[in-house]
N, C-alpha and C. Protein backbone atom coordinates (compact mmCIF):
# COMPACT_ATOMS: atom_id res chain seq x y z
N UNK A 1 0.83 -1.18 0.00
CA UNK A 1 0.00 0.00 0.00
C UNK A 1 0.88 1.25 0.00
N UNK A 2 0.61 2.15 -0.94
CA UNK A 2 1.35 3.41 -0.99
C UNK A 2 0.81 4.36 0.06
N UNK A 3 1.70 5.08 0.68
CA UNK A 3 1.32 6.12 1.62
C UNK A 3 1.87 7.44 1.11
N UNK A 4 1.11 8.50 1.36
CA UNK A 4 1.46 9.80 0.84
C UNK A 4 1.40 10.85 1.93
N UNK A 5 2.41 11.69 1.97
CA UNK A 5 2.32 12.91 2.76
C UNK A 5 1.46 13.87 1.95
N UNK A 6 1.08 14.96 2.53
CA UNK A 6 0.25 15.92 1.82
C UNK A 6 0.97 16.46 0.58
N UNK A 7 2.27 16.68 0.70
CA UNK A 7 3.03 17.21 -0.45
C UNK A 7 3.16 16.17 -1.56
N UNK A 8 3.39 14.93 -1.20
CA UNK A 8 3.48 13.88 -2.22
C UNK A 8 2.12 13.63 -2.88
N UNK A 9 1.06 13.67 -2.08
CA UNK A 9 -0.28 13.50 -2.63
C UNK A 9 -0.57 14.61 -3.64
N UNK A 10 -0.25 15.84 -3.27
CA UNK A 10 -0.47 16.97 -4.17
C UNK A 10 0.32 16.80 -5.46
N UNK A 11 1.57 16.39 -5.33
CA UNK A 11 2.42 16.20 -6.51
C UNK A 11 1.85 15.11 -7.41
N UNK A 12 1.44 13.99 -6.85
CA UNK A 12 0.89 12.87 -7.64
C UNK A 12 -0.38 13.28 -8.37
N UNK A 13 -1.18 14.16 -7.76
CA UNK A 13 -2.44 14.58 -8.36
C UNK A 13 -2.25 15.80 -9.28
N UNK A 14 -1.08 16.40 -9.24
CA UNK A 14 -0.81 17.56 -10.09
C UNK A 14 -1.49 18.83 -9.60
N UNK A 15 -1.62 18.95 -8.29
CA UNK A 15 -2.24 20.14 -7.69
C UNK A 15 -1.30 20.70 -6.63
N UNK A 16 -1.63 21.88 -6.13
CA UNK A 16 -0.81 22.46 -5.08
C UNK A 16 -1.19 21.88 -3.71
N UNK A 17 -0.29 22.01 -2.79
CA UNK A 17 -0.55 21.60 -1.41
C UNK A 17 -1.72 22.40 -0.84
N UNK A 18 -1.83 23.67 -1.26
CA UNK A 18 -2.92 24.52 -0.78
C UNK A 18 -4.28 23.95 -1.18
N UNK A 19 -4.38 23.40 -2.38
CA UNK A 19 -5.64 22.79 -2.82
C UNK A 19 -5.96 21.59 -1.95
N UNK A 20 -4.98 20.74 -1.69
CA UNK A 20 -5.22 19.56 -0.86
C UNK A 20 -5.68 20.00 0.53
N UNK A 21 -5.01 20.98 1.10
CA UNK A 21 -5.40 21.46 2.44
C UNK A 21 -6.82 22.02 2.42
N UNK A 22 -7.16 22.76 1.37
CA UNK A 22 -8.51 23.30 1.25
C UNK A 22 -9.54 22.18 1.17
N UNK A 23 -9.24 21.16 0.39
CA UNK A 23 -10.17 20.03 0.25
C UNK A 23 -10.33 19.28 1.58
N UNK A 24 -9.25 19.18 2.34
CA UNK A 24 -9.35 18.54 3.66
C UNK A 24 -10.25 19.39 4.57
N UNK A 25 -10.04 20.70 4.57
CA UNK A 25 -10.86 21.59 5.41
C UNK A 25 -12.33 21.54 5.02
N UNK A 26 -12.62 21.38 3.74
CA UNK A 26 -13.99 21.33 3.24
C UNK A 26 -14.64 19.95 3.43
N UNK A 27 -13.85 18.96 3.86
CA UNK A 27 -14.38 17.62 4.06
C UNK A 27 -14.44 16.78 2.79
N UNK A 28 -13.77 17.23 1.74
CA UNK A 28 -13.74 16.48 0.49
C UNK A 28 -12.75 15.33 0.56
N UNK A 29 -11.80 15.46 1.44
CA UNK A 29 -10.69 14.52 1.53
C UNK A 29 -10.30 14.37 2.98
N UNK A 30 -9.94 13.15 3.36
CA UNK A 30 -9.54 12.89 4.75
C UNK A 30 -8.25 12.06 4.74
N UNK A 31 -7.35 12.37 5.65
CA UNK A 31 -6.18 11.50 5.77
C UNK A 31 -6.61 10.10 6.20
N UNK A 32 -5.91 9.09 5.73
CA UNK A 32 -6.20 7.72 6.14
C UNK A 32 -5.85 7.53 7.61
N UNK A 33 -4.81 8.24 8.04
CA UNK A 33 -4.41 8.21 9.44
C UNK A 33 -3.55 9.43 9.73
N UNK A 34 -3.20 9.61 10.96
CA UNK A 34 -2.33 10.73 11.36
C UNK A 34 -1.11 10.17 12.10
N UNK A 35 -0.01 10.84 11.92
CA UNK A 35 1.20 10.45 12.65
C UNK A 35 1.05 10.91 14.10
N UNK A 36 1.96 10.48 14.94
CA UNK A 36 1.93 10.89 16.34
C UNK A 36 2.02 12.40 16.48
N UNK A 37 2.71 13.04 15.54
CA UNK A 37 2.85 14.50 15.59
C UNK A 37 1.70 15.22 14.89
N UNK A 38 0.71 14.46 14.39
CA UNK A 38 -0.49 15.08 13.84
C UNK A 38 -0.51 15.28 12.34
N UNK A 39 0.55 14.87 11.65
CA UNK A 39 0.57 15.02 10.19
C UNK A 39 -0.34 13.99 9.54
N UNK A 40 -1.06 14.45 8.52
CA UNK A 40 -1.95 13.54 7.80
C UNK A 40 -1.18 12.64 6.86
N UNK A 41 -1.55 11.37 6.87
CA UNK A 41 -1.00 10.38 5.95
C UNK A 41 -2.15 9.90 5.07
N UNK A 42 -1.94 9.96 3.77
CA UNK A 42 -2.98 9.62 2.81
C UNK A 42 -2.64 8.31 2.12
N UNK A 43 -3.66 7.69 1.53
CA UNK A 43 -3.45 6.40 0.85
C UNK A 43 -3.93 6.49 -0.60
N UNK A 44 -3.93 5.36 -1.28
CA UNK A 44 -4.36 5.30 -2.68
C UNK A 44 -5.79 5.76 -2.85
N UNK A 45 -6.62 5.42 -1.90
CA UNK A 45 -8.02 5.86 -1.96
C UNK A 45 -8.13 7.38 -1.89
N UNK A 46 -7.28 7.99 -1.07
CA UNK A 46 -7.24 9.45 -0.97
C UNK A 46 -6.81 10.06 -2.30
N UNK A 47 -5.82 9.45 -2.93
CA UNK A 47 -5.35 9.93 -4.23
C UNK A 47 -6.46 9.82 -5.27
N UNK A 48 -7.16 8.70 -5.30
CA UNK A 48 -8.26 8.52 -6.25
C UNK A 48 -9.35 9.55 -6.00
N UNK A 49 -9.68 9.79 -4.73
CA UNK A 49 -10.72 10.78 -4.39
C UNK A 49 -10.27 12.17 -4.83
N UNK A 50 -9.02 12.52 -4.56
CA UNK A 50 -8.50 13.83 -4.93
C UNK A 50 -8.56 14.01 -6.46
N UNK A 51 -8.16 13.01 -7.20
CA UNK A 51 -8.18 13.10 -8.66
C UNK A 51 -9.61 13.23 -9.18
N UNK A 52 -10.55 12.49 -8.59
CA UNK A 52 -11.96 12.59 -8.99
C UNK A 52 -12.51 13.98 -8.71
N UNK A 53 -12.29 14.46 -7.49
CA UNK A 53 -12.82 15.77 -7.09
C UNK A 53 -12.23 16.86 -7.98
N UNK A 54 -10.95 16.77 -8.23
CA UNK A 54 -10.30 17.79 -9.06
C UNK A 54 -10.86 17.77 -10.48
N UNK A 55 -11.00 16.58 -11.06
CA UNK A 55 -11.54 16.47 -12.42
C UNK A 55 -12.97 17.01 -12.47
N UNK A 56 -13.77 16.70 -11.47
CA UNK A 56 -15.15 17.20 -11.43
C UNK A 56 -15.17 18.72 -11.29
N UNK A 57 -14.30 19.24 -10.44
CA UNK A 57 -14.25 20.69 -10.24
C UNK A 57 -13.82 21.40 -11.52
N UNK A 58 -12.78 20.91 -12.15
CA UNK A 58 -12.29 21.51 -13.40
C UNK A 58 -13.36 21.43 -14.49
N UNK A 59 -14.21 20.43 -14.41
CA UNK A 59 -15.29 20.27 -15.39
C UNK A 59 -16.49 21.15 -15.08
N UNK A 60 -16.45 21.89 -13.99
CA UNK A 60 -17.50 22.84 -13.68
C UNK A 60 -18.43 22.47 -12.55
N UNK A 61 -18.16 21.39 -11.86
CA UNK A 61 -18.99 21.01 -10.70
C UNK A 61 -18.49 21.80 -9.50
N UNK A 62 -19.40 22.41 -8.78
CA UNK A 62 -19.03 23.24 -7.63
C UNK A 62 -18.54 22.43 -6.44
N UNK A 63 -17.70 23.05 -5.64
CA UNK A 63 -17.15 22.37 -4.46
C UNK A 63 -18.21 22.05 -3.42
N UNK A 64 -19.25 22.88 -3.32
CA UNK A 64 -20.32 22.59 -2.36
C UNK A 64 -21.03 21.29 -2.74
N UNK A 65 -21.33 21.13 -4.02
CA UNK A 65 -21.99 19.91 -4.49
C UNK A 65 -21.07 18.70 -4.32
N UNK A 66 -19.79 18.88 -4.58
CA UNK A 66 -18.83 17.79 -4.40
C UNK A 66 -18.68 17.44 -2.92
N UNK A 67 -18.74 18.44 -2.05
CA UNK A 67 -18.66 18.17 -0.61
C UNK A 67 -19.86 17.36 -0.15
N UNK A 68 -21.05 17.68 -0.69
CA UNK A 68 -22.25 16.89 -0.35
C UNK A 68 -22.06 15.43 -0.75
N UNK A 69 -21.55 15.22 -1.96
CA UNK A 69 -21.32 13.86 -2.43
C UNK A 69 -20.30 13.15 -1.55
N UNK A 70 -19.21 13.80 -1.24
CA UNK A 70 -18.16 13.18 -0.42
C UNK A 70 -18.67 12.85 0.98
N UNK A 71 -19.47 13.74 1.57
CA UNK A 71 -20.06 13.44 2.89
C UNK A 71 -20.96 12.22 2.81
N UNK A 72 -21.76 12.14 1.74
CA UNK A 72 -22.66 10.99 1.58
C UNK A 72 -21.84 9.71 1.38
N UNK A 73 -20.78 9.79 0.60
CA UNK A 73 -19.92 8.62 0.39
C UNK A 73 -19.27 8.20 1.70
N UNK A 74 -18.78 9.17 2.45
CA UNK A 74 -18.11 8.86 3.73
C UNK A 74 -19.08 8.27 4.74
N UNK A 75 -20.35 8.71 4.70
CA UNK A 75 -21.36 8.20 5.62
C UNK A 75 -21.95 6.88 5.13
N UNK A 76 -21.57 6.49 3.92
CA UNK A 76 -22.10 5.27 3.29
C UNK A 76 -23.62 5.32 3.23
N UNK A 77 -24.15 6.49 2.88
CA UNK A 77 -25.60 6.72 2.77
C UNK A 77 -26.00 6.60 1.31
N UNK A 78 -26.40 5.40 0.90
CA UNK A 78 -26.65 5.15 -0.52
C UNK A 78 -27.78 6.02 -1.08
N UNK A 79 -28.78 6.34 -0.28
CA UNK A 79 -29.87 7.19 -0.75
C UNK A 79 -29.35 8.58 -1.07
N UNK A 80 -28.54 9.13 -0.17
CA UNK A 80 -27.97 10.45 -0.38
C UNK A 80 -26.96 10.44 -1.53
N UNK A 81 -26.17 9.37 -1.63
CA UNK A 81 -25.19 9.24 -2.73
C UNK A 81 -25.93 9.28 -4.06
N UNK A 82 -27.00 8.51 -4.17
CA UNK A 82 -27.77 8.45 -5.42
C UNK A 82 -28.37 9.82 -5.74
N UNK A 83 -28.88 10.51 -4.73
CA UNK A 83 -29.41 11.86 -4.95
C UNK A 83 -28.35 12.82 -5.44
N UNK A 84 -27.17 12.76 -4.83
CA UNK A 84 -26.06 13.62 -5.26
C UNK A 84 -25.65 13.31 -6.69
N UNK A 85 -25.55 12.03 -6.99
CA UNK A 85 -25.14 11.63 -8.34
C UNK A 85 -26.19 12.08 -9.36
N UNK A 86 -27.45 11.95 -9.03
CA UNK A 86 -28.51 12.41 -9.94
C UNK A 86 -28.39 13.91 -10.22
N UNK A 87 -28.13 14.69 -9.17
CA UNK A 87 -27.96 16.14 -9.35
C UNK A 87 -26.74 16.43 -10.23
N UNK A 88 -25.64 15.70 -9.98
CA UNK A 88 -24.43 15.91 -10.78
C UNK A 88 -24.66 15.53 -12.24
N UNK A 89 -25.35 14.43 -12.46
CA UNK A 89 -25.65 14.03 -13.84
C UNK A 89 -26.52 15.07 -14.54
N UNK A 90 -27.44 15.67 -13.81
CA UNK A 90 -28.25 16.74 -14.37
C UNK A 90 -27.41 17.95 -14.75
N UNK A 91 -26.48 18.30 -13.87
CA UNK A 91 -25.59 19.42 -14.16
C UNK A 91 -24.72 19.13 -15.39
N UNK A 92 -24.25 17.90 -15.47
CA UNK A 92 -23.41 17.51 -16.61
C UNK A 92 -24.22 17.56 -17.91
N UNK A 93 -25.45 17.07 -17.87
CA UNK A 93 -26.30 17.10 -19.07
C UNK A 93 -26.55 18.54 -19.52
N UNK A 94 -26.80 19.43 -18.57
CA UNK A 94 -27.01 20.84 -18.90
C UNK A 94 -25.75 21.44 -19.51
N UNK A 95 -24.61 21.13 -18.91
CA UNK A 95 -23.34 21.66 -19.42
C UNK A 95 -23.04 21.11 -20.80
N UNK A 96 -23.30 19.81 -21.03
CA UNK A 96 -23.06 19.21 -22.35
C UNK A 96 -23.93 19.87 -23.41
N UNK A 97 -25.19 20.15 -23.08
CA UNK A 97 -26.09 20.81 -24.03
C UNK A 97 -25.57 22.22 -24.35
N UNK A 98 -25.12 22.94 -23.33
CA UNK A 98 -24.58 24.28 -23.55
C UNK A 98 -23.32 24.24 -24.40
N UNK A 99 -22.46 23.26 -24.15
CA UNK A 99 -21.24 23.12 -24.94
C UNK A 99 -21.54 22.73 -26.39
N UNK A 100 -22.54 21.88 -26.59
CA UNK A 100 -22.93 21.49 -27.95
C UNK A 100 -23.46 22.70 -28.71
N UNK A 101 -24.25 23.54 -28.05
CA UNK A 101 -24.76 24.75 -28.69
C UNK A 101 -23.61 25.70 -29.02
N UNK A 102 -22.67 25.83 -28.13
CA UNK A 102 -21.49 26.68 -28.37
C UNK A 102 -20.67 26.15 -29.54
N UNK A 103 -20.50 24.84 -29.58
CA UNK A 103 -19.75 24.22 -30.68
C UNK A 103 -20.42 24.51 -32.01
N UNK A 104 -21.73 24.41 -32.07
CA UNK A 104 -22.48 24.71 -33.29
C UNK A 104 -22.29 26.17 -33.69
N UNK A 105 -22.38 27.05 -32.71
CA UNK A 105 -22.20 28.48 -32.96
C UNK A 105 -20.80 28.77 -33.51
N UNK A 106 -19.79 28.17 -32.90
CA UNK A 106 -18.42 28.38 -33.36
C UNK A 106 -18.20 27.82 -34.77
N UNK A 107 -18.80 26.68 -35.05
CA UNK A 107 -18.69 26.11 -36.40
C UNK A 107 -19.31 27.05 -37.42
N UNK A 108 -20.44 27.66 -37.07
CA UNK A 108 -21.07 28.63 -37.96
C UNK A 108 -20.21 29.85 -38.16
N UNK A 109 -19.61 30.34 -37.11
CA UNK A 109 -18.71 31.49 -37.22
C UNK A 109 -17.50 31.16 -38.10
N UNK A 110 -16.96 29.97 -37.92
CA UNK A 110 -15.83 29.55 -38.73
C UNK A 110 -16.22 29.48 -40.20
N UNK A 111 -17.38 28.88 -40.47
CA UNK A 111 -17.87 28.76 -41.84
C UNK A 111 -18.04 30.14 -42.47
N UNK A 112 -18.65 31.08 -41.75
CA UNK A 112 -18.85 32.43 -42.27
C UNK A 112 -17.52 33.14 -42.48
N UNK A 113 -16.57 32.92 -41.57
CA UNK A 113 -15.26 33.57 -41.71
C UNK A 113 -14.53 33.04 -42.94
N UNK A 114 -14.60 31.73 -43.19
CA UNK A 114 -13.94 31.14 -44.35
C UNK A 114 -14.61 31.64 -45.63
N UNK A 115 -15.93 31.67 -45.64
CA UNK A 115 -16.65 32.17 -46.83
C UNK A 115 -16.30 33.62 -47.10
N UNK A 116 -16.25 34.43 -46.06
CA UNK A 116 -15.90 35.85 -46.22
C UNK A 116 -14.49 36.02 -46.73
N UNK A 117 -13.59 35.14 -46.31
CA UNK A 117 -12.20 35.22 -46.74
C UNK A 117 -12.04 34.81 -48.19
N UNK A 118 -12.81 33.81 -48.65
CA UNK A 118 -12.68 33.36 -50.03
C UNK A 118 -13.35 34.30 -51.02
N UNK A 119 -14.28 35.13 -50.55
CA UNK A 119 -14.96 36.09 -51.43
C UNK A 119 -14.24 37.41 -51.48
N UNK A 120 -13.22 37.59 -50.68
CA UNK A 120 -12.51 38.86 -50.66
C UNK A 120 -11.49 38.99 -51.75
């Protein structure tokens, strides 16, 4: 089993130590254990959670919604987990529709720009 200090965990996930500390404070991430001097020690599960949360955040999911999901996961509350996932899937569907509309708009702009350039 791999063990990670906060700095190694941050490095493995490609984020700053400040982000990891913020996620711990928000309850998104928890050390697997603590040393006698109080330092958090993280494990592979912590790394997987950090990578998931970061990917979701970068994709536009808010930290409050992610914190709700993480609390439900930590409490092993399947009803709450399912509710959180349903909300996240709804947000993703909305975002995908908005991105598809933007893609169509950009394609139209590109087409008009190319046509304008060839007629000049």
